Amino acid sequence: MVNNPTRRPGSQLATAPTRAEDAYARIRAQLGAVAPRDPVTGRTGARVDRITLLAEACDEETFRLVMDWLASEAASSEATMRAYADDVRHWAGVTAEHGHRFTLDAVTPGILTTWRLSEEERGRSARTINRRLSSLQSLFDFRAHREGRHPVKLVTRFDRPKVDRSAAAVRSTPVLEADELQRLMDACADRHEALVVLLAYTIAGRVAELCTATLSALEDRGRTCRLNLTRKGGKVRVFTIPPELCELLDEVLAGRTSGRLLLRADGRPYDPDSVDQMLTRLGRQARVLTCRAAYTGRGRRRKEDADKPRHSFRTCARCRDVTPHVLRASKLTHMHDDGVPLEEIQQFADHADPATTLGYIRQRDDEGIKARNAAASVDLYRHVLDRWTAQSEGAA
């Protein structure tokens, strides 16, 4: 007699997961975890799954809508999914300030206007503001599509600040010169940190692409290796890694054959937040993008700094953080300095619009023109500088 599994005790039955559970688990893994940042102190807390934070921020109906939206082709890559999820969390914070949980009906034209003015006052770039507005409108369009209605344009052209594409965010993305980049690399605490910095610069990679890459994307080719990256928009691109960097990669992998490509020394995988924090720390230690008054705070205070107030990176308006995009912008700019044609730079960066690539080139050329003409003025008033700087040295 064949045993009937329906007669077994429930504790002996292994129930296969449902399709809904499979889908939920996949979305949860794709969204990953994030360390929420305290809006007052700026410090990050314990890491929490994004899907958990979304469930807390939305009512049940809106949460189901957001999950369907993130699982749709509106989010063409894992990085886009995470960016959309973070934008929803941002809008949930906006509606919470007005006493509401996040629903699409809680976002009114008046709230949008107040939010945009506030973001501009806080120094947010026009690109960041427009991106978050686009995410919100995409969710609105998705709801209208699901309900069979004509999409309602909550976000109009009157809500979007103008972006000067020719300037290409001169202030928002600084470029490291060769000596600054070398100091940053020398500040790495271990080979794992060095690999992240070198690889991000070498292929001008976006941080989300590198952090989500797994060892299955790595192919050995003799002394070189190839990395298959899923880039923005879901496009797969193959990068040939130089032999010297492959040797470091082999040392870091130490025989691993599965899992994430980039791990920290303690075995935890890197994510965009941890890479951002690491680069900020390295930049401060190496005094890259810091003002002249910057003091690292490590070791004993130098004698020449004894009579100066201690420097605070958090409050200094002149110091800049080194970010993953700084490495990307630096690589593309250095390619231009080396005479690489515009079309090749655009292809390497995987820019869909050549205007984006032109932005880096125009920024570099514009900086060079201004620097040369400003330096030419010094001969006119050098005697004045010598007079006053000499007095300052005498007083010291």
Protein backbone atom coordinates (compact mmCIF):
# COMPACT_ATOMS: atom_id res chain seq x y z
CA MET A 1 0.00 0.00 0.00
CA VAL A 2 1.39 3.39 -1.05
CA ASN A 3 1.45 5.86 1.76
CA ASN A 4 -0.90 8.76 1.23
CA PRO A 5 0.99 11.97 2.15
CA THR A 6 -2.28 13.63 3.09
CA ARG A 7 -2.53 11.23 6.06
CA ARG A 8 0.86 12.18 7.50
CA PRO A 9 1.05 14.47 10.51
CA GLY A 10 1.48 18.11 9.55
CA SER A 11 4.95 18.23 11.14
CA GLN A 12 6.15 15.60 8.62
CA LEU A 13 4.95 17.44 5.52
CA ALA A 14 7.28 19.77 3.61
CA THR A 15 5.06 22.27 1.85
CA ALA A 16 6.45 23.82 -1.31
CA PRO A 17 6.45 27.62 -1.33
CA THR A 18 3.69 29.27 -3.31
CA ARG A 19 4.39 31.42 -6.35
CA ALA A 20 3.47 34.50 -4.34
CA GLU A 21 6.05 33.55 -1.70
CA ASP A 22 8.67 32.98 -4.40
CA ALA A 23 7.95 36.41 -5.91
CA TYR A 24 8.06 38.09 -2.50
CA ALA A 25 11.39 36.43 -1.66
CA ARG A 26 12.89 37.51 -4.98
CA ILE A 27 11.79 41.13 -4.58
CA ARG A 28 13.08 41.14 -1.00
CA ALA A 29 16.49 39.92 -2.17
CA GLN A 30 16.62 42.39 -5.07
CA LEU A 31 15.74 45.36 -2.88
CA GLY A 32 18.37 44.41 -0.31
CA ALA A 33 18.95 46.18 2.98
CA VAL A 34 19.81 49.75 3.85
CA ALA A 35 21.06 51.56 6.95
CA PRO A 36 18.53 54.38 7.59
CA ARG A 37 20.18 57.72 8.26
CA ASP A 38 19.04 59.86 11.19
CA PRO A 39 17.88 63.21 9.71
CA VAL A 40 19.15 65.12 12.76
CA THR A 41 22.53 63.54 13.55
CA GLY A 42 23.28 62.22 10.05
CA ARG A 43 24.38 58.89 11.51
CA THR A 44 23.27 55.57 10.08
CA GLY A 45 21.50 52.94 12.14
CA ALA A 46 21.28 49.16 11.91
CA ARG A 47 20.65 47.70 8.47
CA VAL A 48 17.01 46.90 7.68
CA ASP A 49 15.43 45.28 4.62
CA ARG A 50 14.04 47.92 2.29
CA ILE A 51 10.85 45.91 1.91
CA THR A 52 10.31 46.13 5.69
CA LEU A 53 10.79 49.90 5.65
CA LEU A 54 8.33 50.24 2.77
CA ALA A 55 5.72 48.17 4.60
CA GLU A 56 6.06 50.45 7.62
CA ALA A 57 5.81 53.63 5.55
CA CYS A 58 2.76 52.73 3.42
CA ASP A 59 -0.74 51.54 4.12
CA GLU A 60 -1.54 48.00 2.97
CA GLU A 61 -3.09 48.93 -0.38
CA THR A 62 -0.29 51.32 -1.31
CA PHE A 63 2.33 48.78 -0.25
CA ARG A 64 0.88 46.16 -2.62
CA LEU A 65 0.82 48.76 -5.41
CA VAL A 66 4.45 49.73 -4.78
CA MET A 67 5.52 46.08 -4.81
CA ASP A 68 3.78 45.47 -8.14
CA TRP A 69 5.35 48.64 -9.54
CA LEU A 70 8.85 47.65 -8.45
CA ALA A 71 8.40 44.16 -9.91
CA SER A 72 7.25 45.56 -13.27
CA GLU A 73 9.40 46.62 -16.20
CA ALA A 74 9.27 50.19 -14.86
CA ALA A 75 12.35 49.16 -12.87
CA SER A 76 14.62 47.77 -15.56
CA SER A 77 17.45 46.78 -13.23
CA GLU A 78 18.13 45.92 -9.60
CA ALA A 79 19.80 49.30 -9.06
CA THR A 80 16.72 51.08 -10.43
CA MET A 81 14.48 49.05 -8.12
CA ARG A 82 16.48 50.13 -5.10
CA ALA A 83 16.55 53.75 -6.21
CA TYR A 84 12.76 53.73 -6.70
CA ALA A 85 12.27 52.11 -3.29
CA ASP A 86 14.44 54.77 -1.64
CA ASP A 87 12.47 57.49 -3.43
CA VAL A 88 9.21 56.04 -2.09
CA ARG A 89 10.69 56.11 1.41
CA HIS A 90 11.63 59.73 0.83
CA TRP A 91 8.09 60.65 -0.23
CA ALA A 92 6.74 58.76 2.77
CA GLY A 93 8.83 61.03 4.95
CA VAL A 94 7.38 64.07 3.18
CA THR A 95 3.77 62.98 3.75
CA ALA A 96 4.62 62.04 7.36
CA GLU A 97 5.61 65.67 7.96
CA HIS A 98 2.00 66.54 7.04
CA GLY A 99 0.58 63.89 9.38
CA HIS A 100 -0.23 61.20 6.78
CA ARG A 101 1.04 57.72 5.95
CA PHE A 102 2.20 57.46 2.39
CA THR A 103 -0.58 57.09 -0.17
CA LEU A 104 -0.65 58.57 -3.62
CA ASP A 105 -3.67 60.67 -2.72
CA ALA A 106 -1.72 62.20 0.19
CA VAL A 107 0.64 63.94 -2.26
CA THR A 108 -1.03 67.15 -3.43
CA PRO A 109 0.21 69.92 -5.77
CA GLY A 110 0.61 72.15 -2.73
CA ILE A 111 2.83 69.60 -0.99
CA LEU A 112 4.92 69.26 -4.16
CA THR A 113 5.52 73.01 -4.32
CA THR A 114 6.45 73.20 -0.64
CA TRP A 115 8.75 70.20 -1.02
CA ARG A 116 10.54 71.60 -4.09
CA LEU A 117 11.19 74.96 -2.43
CA SER A 118 12.48 73.19 0.68
CA GLU A 119 14.79 70.93 -1.34
CA GLU A 120 16.21 73.91 -3.21
CA GLU A 121 16.77 75.73 0.08
CA ARG A 122 18.68 72.70 1.38
CA GLY A 123 20.95 72.73 -1.65
CA ARG A 124 19.57 69.68 -3.48
CA SER A 125 20.60 69.60 -7.12
CA ALA A 126 18.04 70.03 -9.88
CA ARG A 127 18.87 66.54 -11.10
CA THR A 128 18.06 64.96 -7.73
CA ILE A 129 14.78 66.89 -7.47
CA ASN A 130 13.75 65.89 -10.99
CA ARG A 131 14.66 62.24 -10.39
CA ARG A 132 12.44 62.01 -7.32
CA LEU A 133 9.62 63.76 -9.13
CA SER A 134 9.96 61.29 -12.01
CA SER A 135 9.79 58.34 -9.62
CA LEU A 136 6.60 59.71 -8.09
CA GLN A 137 4.99 60.32 -11.48
CA SER A 138 5.96 56.83 -12.64
CA LEU A 139 4.11 55.33 -9.67
CA PHE A 140 1.08 57.51 -10.46
CA ASP A 141 1.14 56.34 -14.09
CA PHE A 142 1.40 52.71 -12.98
CA ARG A 143 -1.66 53.03 -10.74
CA ALA A 144 -3.65 54.62 -13.56
CA HIS A 145 -2.61 51.79 -15.89
CA ARG A 146 -3.70 49.15 -13.37
CA GLU A 147 -7.05 50.85 -12.90
CA GLY A 148 -7.60 51.37 -16.63
CA ARG A 149 -7.68 55.16 -16.31
CA HIS A 150 -5.95 57.92 -18.23
CA PRO A 151 -2.76 58.89 -16.35
CA VAL A 152 -3.01 62.01 -14.25
CA LYS A 153 -0.05 64.36 -14.50
CA LEU A 154 0.57 65.19 -10.87
CA VAL A 155 4.05 66.47 -11.75
CA THR A 156 4.01 69.18 -14.41
CA ARG A 157 6.75 71.14 -16.09
CA PHE A 158 6.09 73.93 -13.60
CA ASP A 159 7.29 71.64 -10.79
CA ARG A 160 10.58 70.70 -12.40
CA PRO A 161 13.64 72.92 -11.98
CA LYS A 162 15.70 73.49 -15.09
CA VAL A 163 18.93 71.53 -15.42
CA ASP A 164 21.91 73.15 -17.12
CA ARG A 165 23.17 70.13 -19.05
CA SER A 166 26.21 71.96 -20.37
CA ALA A 167 27.49 72.55 -16.84
CA ALA A 168 27.12 68.83 -15.95
CA ALA A 169 26.93 69.42 -12.22
CA VAL A 170 30.24 71.28 -11.85
CA ARG A 171 29.75 71.68 -8.12
CA SER A 172 28.12 68.33 -7.41
CA THR A 173 30.79 66.04 -8.87
CA PRO A 174 34.43 67.07 -8.34
CA VAL A 175 37.25 65.35 -10.20
CA LEU A 176 40.37 63.94 -8.54
CA GLU A 177 43.74 64.70 -10.08
CA ALA A 178 46.31 61.92 -10.42
CA ASP A 179 48.18 62.75 -7.19
CA GLU A 180 44.92 62.97 -5.23
CA LEU A 181 43.78 59.61 -6.59
CA GLN A 182 47.10 58.01 -5.61
CA ARG A 183 46.86 59.40 -2.07
CA LEU A 184 43.34 58.01 -1.80
CA MET A 185 44.51 54.58 -2.91
CA ASP A 186 47.47 54.66 -0.50
CA ALA A 187 45.06 55.33 2.39
CA CYS A 188 43.26 51.98 1.93
CA ALA A 189 43.43 49.88 5.09
CA ASP A 190 43.49 46.48 3.37
CA ARG A 191 43.45 44.80 -0.03
CA HIS A 192 39.65 44.54 0.02
CA GLU A 193 39.29 48.33 0.19
CA ALA A 194 42.00 48.76 -2.44
CA LEU A 195 40.15 46.42 -4.83
CA VAL A 196 36.94 48.44 -4.54
CA VAL A 197 38.70 51.73 -5.25
CA LEU A 198 40.86 50.40 -8.11
CA LEU A 199 38.04 48.49 -9.79
CA ALA A 200 35.53 51.36 -9.52
CA TYR A 201 38.04 53.75 -11.09
CA THR A 202 39.37 51.34 -13.74
CA ILE A 203 35.99 50.59 -15.32
CA ALA A 204 34.26 53.86 -14.30
CA GLY A 205 31.69 51.65 -12.61
CA ARG A 206 28.51 52.72 -10.88
CA VAL A 207 28.55 51.62 -7.26
CA ALA A 208 25.26 49.71 -7.40
CA GLU A 209 26.49 47.67 -10.38
CA LEU A 210 29.68 46.65 -8.60
CA CYS A 211 28.01 45.85 -5.29
CA THR A 212 25.42 43.56 -6.88
CA ALA A 213 27.93 41.74 -9.11
CA THR A 214 28.52 38.09 -8.22
CA LEU A 215 31.40 35.74 -8.99
CA SER A 216 29.31 34.13 -11.70
CA ALA A 217 29.89 37.33 -13.70
CA LEU A 218 33.67 36.79 -13.64
CA GLU A 219 35.36 34.84 -16.44
CA ASP A 220 39.04 33.87 -16.47
CA ARG A 221 40.91 34.56 -19.70
CA GLY A 222 44.54 33.56 -19.12
CA ARG A 223 46.32 36.38 -17.29
CA THR A 224 43.28 38.64 -17.70
CA CYS A 225 39.68 38.20 -16.67
CA ARG A 226 36.38 39.55 -17.91
CA LEU A 227 33.60 41.01 -15.80
CA ASN A 228 30.01 40.91 -17.07
CA LEU A 229 28.19 43.83 -15.47
CA THR A 230 24.48 44.52 -15.61
CA ARG A 231 24.44 48.25 -16.13
CA LYS A 232 21.82 50.95 -15.93
CA GLY A 233 18.70 50.03 -17.87
CA GLY A 234 19.41 46.30 -17.61
CA LYS A 235 22.13 46.38 -20.28
CA VAL A 236 24.90 43.78 -19.92
CA ARG A 237 28.42 44.98 -20.70
CA VAL A 238 31.71 43.04 -20.64
CA PHE A 239 34.86 44.65 -19.21
CA THR A 240 38.33 43.17 -19.60
CA ILE A 241 40.22 43.61 -16.34
CA PRO A 242 43.99 44.35 -16.63
CA PRO A 243 46.30 41.47 -15.57
CA GLU A 244 47.74 43.43 -12.63
CA LEU A 245 44.27 44.05 -11.20
CA CYS A 246 43.35 40.40 -11.82
CA GLU A 247 46.24 39.37 -9.56
CA LEU A 248 44.87 41.53 -6.74
CA LEU A 249 41.40 40.13 -7.41
CA ASP A 250 42.74 36.56 -7.06
CA GLU A 251 44.40 37.48 -3.77
CA VAL A 252 41.19 38.97 -2.41
CA LEU A 253 38.97 36.10 -3.58
CA ALA A 254 41.30 33.56 -1.93
CA GLY A 255 39.69 30.65 -3.77
CA ARG A 256 36.06 31.71 -3.39
CA THR A 257 33.88 30.51 -6.26
CA SER A 258 30.44 31.84 -5.33
CA GLY A 259 28.75 34.80 -3.69
CA ARG A 260 29.23 38.52 -4.14
CA LEU A 261 32.28 39.78 -5.99
CA LEU A 262 33.18 42.47 -3.46
CA LEU A 263 33.39 41.51 0.21
CA ARG A 264 34.84 43.37 3.16
CA ALA A 265 37.73 41.92 5.19
CA ASP A 266 35.24 40.47 7.71
CA GLY A 267 33.31 38.66 4.95
CA ARG A 268 30.31 40.99 4.79
CA PRO A 269 29.30 42.12 1.28
CA TYR A 270 29.82 45.72 0.25
CA ASP A 271 26.74 47.80 -0.51
CA PRO A 272 26.46 51.38 -1.84
CA ASP A 273 26.22 52.85 1.67
CA SER A 274 29.29 51.05 3.00
CA VAL A 275 31.32 51.97 -0.10
CA ASP A 276 30.25 55.59 0.28
CA GLN A 277 31.28 55.61 3.94
CA MET A 278 34.60 53.96 3.14
CA LEU A 279 35.47 56.52 0.44
CA THR A 280 34.50 59.39 2.73
CA ARG A 281 36.86 58.04 5.40
CA LEU A 282 39.69 57.50 2.92
CA GLY A 283 39.25 60.99 1.49
CA ARG A 284 39.54 62.57 4.92
CA GLN A 285 42.55 60.49 5.89
CA ALA A 286 44.31 61.34 2.62
CA ARG A 287 43.15 64.97 2.76
CA VAL A 288 41.54 64.71 -0.64
CA LEU A 289 38.86 67.31 -1.46
CA THR A 290 39.39 68.82 1.99
CA CYS A 291 40.04 72.46 2.82
CA ARG A 292 43.43 73.72 4.01
CA ALA A 293 42.25 73.78 7.62
CA ALA A 294 41.25 70.10 7.62
CA TYR A 295 42.66 68.03 10.45
CA THR A 296 42.28 64.27 10.34
CA GLY A 297 41.98 63.86 14.11
CA ARG A 298 44.22 60.77 14.05
CA GLY A 299 47.32 60.65 16.22
CA ARG A 300 48.77 63.60 18.09
CA ARG A 301 47.94 67.13 17.04
CA ARG A 302 50.71 68.83 15.09
CA LYS A 303 52.54 71.70 16.79
CA GLU A 304 51.72 74.13 14.00
CA ASP A 305 48.02 73.32 14.50
CA ALA A 306 48.04 73.72 18.28
CA ASP A 307 46.64 77.26 18.25
CA LYS A 308 43.99 76.53 15.60
CA PRO A 309 40.42 75.45 16.35
CA ARG A 310 39.77 71.78 15.68
CA HIS A 311 38.30 71.15 12.27
CA SER A 312 34.89 69.53 11.82
CA PHE A 313 34.27 67.79 8.51
CA ARG A 314 30.55 67.56 9.24
CA THR A 315 30.08 71.32 9.52
CA CYS A 316 32.78 72.54 7.12
CA ALA A 317 31.24 74.11 4.03
CA ARG A 318 34.46 73.78 2.01
CA CYS A 319 35.33 70.11 2.51
CA ARG A 320 33.83 67.63 0.08
CA ASP A 321 33.20 63.91 0.46
CA VAL A 322 34.79 61.46 -1.94
CA THR A 323 31.90 59.43 -3.39
CA PRO A 324 31.74 56.52 -5.85
CA HIS A 325 30.60 58.92 -8.56
CA VAL A 326 33.72 61.02 -7.98
CA LEU A 327 35.79 58.01 -9.06
CA ARG A 328 33.61 57.51 -12.13
CA ALA A 329 33.78 61.19 -13.11
CA SER A 330 37.54 61.22 -12.53
CA LYS A 331 38.13 58.23 -14.84
CA LEU A 332 36.04 59.70 -17.65
CA THR A 333 37.74 63.07 -17.28
CA HIS A 334 41.20 61.49 -17.31
CA MET A 335 40.27 59.69 -20.53
CA HIS A 336 39.51 63.09 -22.06
CA ASP A 337 42.84 64.44 -20.77
CA ASP A 338 44.59 61.51 -22.51
CA GLY A 339 42.98 62.42 -25.84
CA VAL A 340 40.41 59.60 -26.02
CA PRO A 341 37.68 60.51 -28.57
CA LEU A 342 34.26 61.55 -27.30
CA GLU A 343 32.53 58.55 -28.90
CA GLU A 344 34.85 56.12 -27.12
CA ILE A 345 34.34 57.84 -23.75
CA GLN A 346 30.57 57.71 -24.25
CA GLN A 347 30.71 54.02 -25.09
CA PHE A 348 32.96 53.25 -22.11
CA ALA A 349 30.68 55.17 -19.72
CA ASP A 350 27.58 53.64 -21.33
CA HIS A 351 25.92 57.04 -21.61
CA ALA A 352 22.75 56.89 -23.70
CA ASP A 353 22.95 60.62 -24.43
CA PRO A 354 26.23 62.11 -25.73
CA ALA A 355 25.27 65.36 -24.00
CA THR A 356 25.99 63.64 -20.67
CA THR A 357 29.52 62.75 -21.81
CA LEU A 358 30.02 66.23 -23.22
CA GLY A 359 29.28 67.61 -19.78
CA TYR A 360 32.47 66.08 -18.33
CA ILE A 361 34.56 67.38 -21.24
CA ARG A 362 33.12 70.89 -21.14
CA GLN A 363 33.59 71.03 -17.39
CA ARG A 364 37.27 70.09 -17.77
CA ASP A 365 37.89 72.51 -20.64
CA ASP A 366 36.04 75.30 -18.85
CA GLU A 367 38.13 74.77 -15.70
CA GLY A 368 41.33 74.89 -17.76
CA ILE A 369 40.37 78.13 -19.49
CA LYS A 370 39.47 79.83 -16.22
CA ALA A 371 42.63 78.59 -14.48
CA ARG A 372 44.94 79.80 -17.26
CA ASN A 373 43.37 83.25 -17.46
CA ALA A 374 43.26 83.66 -13.69
CA ALA A 375 46.95 82.66 -13.38
CA ALA A 376 47.88 85.20 -16.07
CA SER A 377 46.64 87.99 -13.79
CA VAL A 378 49.14 87.27 -11.01
CA ASP A 379 52.08 89.01 -12.76
CA LEU A 380 50.16 92.27 -12.55
CA TYR A 381 49.85 92.27 -8.76
CA ARG A 382 52.65 89.92 -7.64
CA HIS A 383 54.42 92.76 -5.82
CA VAL A 384 51.29 93.35 -3.73
CA LEU A 385 51.11 89.67 -2.79
CA ASP A 386 54.79 89.65 -1.85
CA ARG A 387 54.26 92.68 0.38
CA TRP A 388 51.34 91.32 2.37
CA THR A 389 52.40 87.69 2.57
CA ALA A 390 55.83 88.81 3.78
CA GLN A 391 54.17 90.84 6.55
CA SER A 392 52.12 87.81 7.58
CA GLU A 393 55.24 85.65 7.82
CA GLY A 394 57.00 88.31 9.90
CA ALA A 395 54.07 88.58 12.31
CA ALA A 396 54.04 84.81 12.77
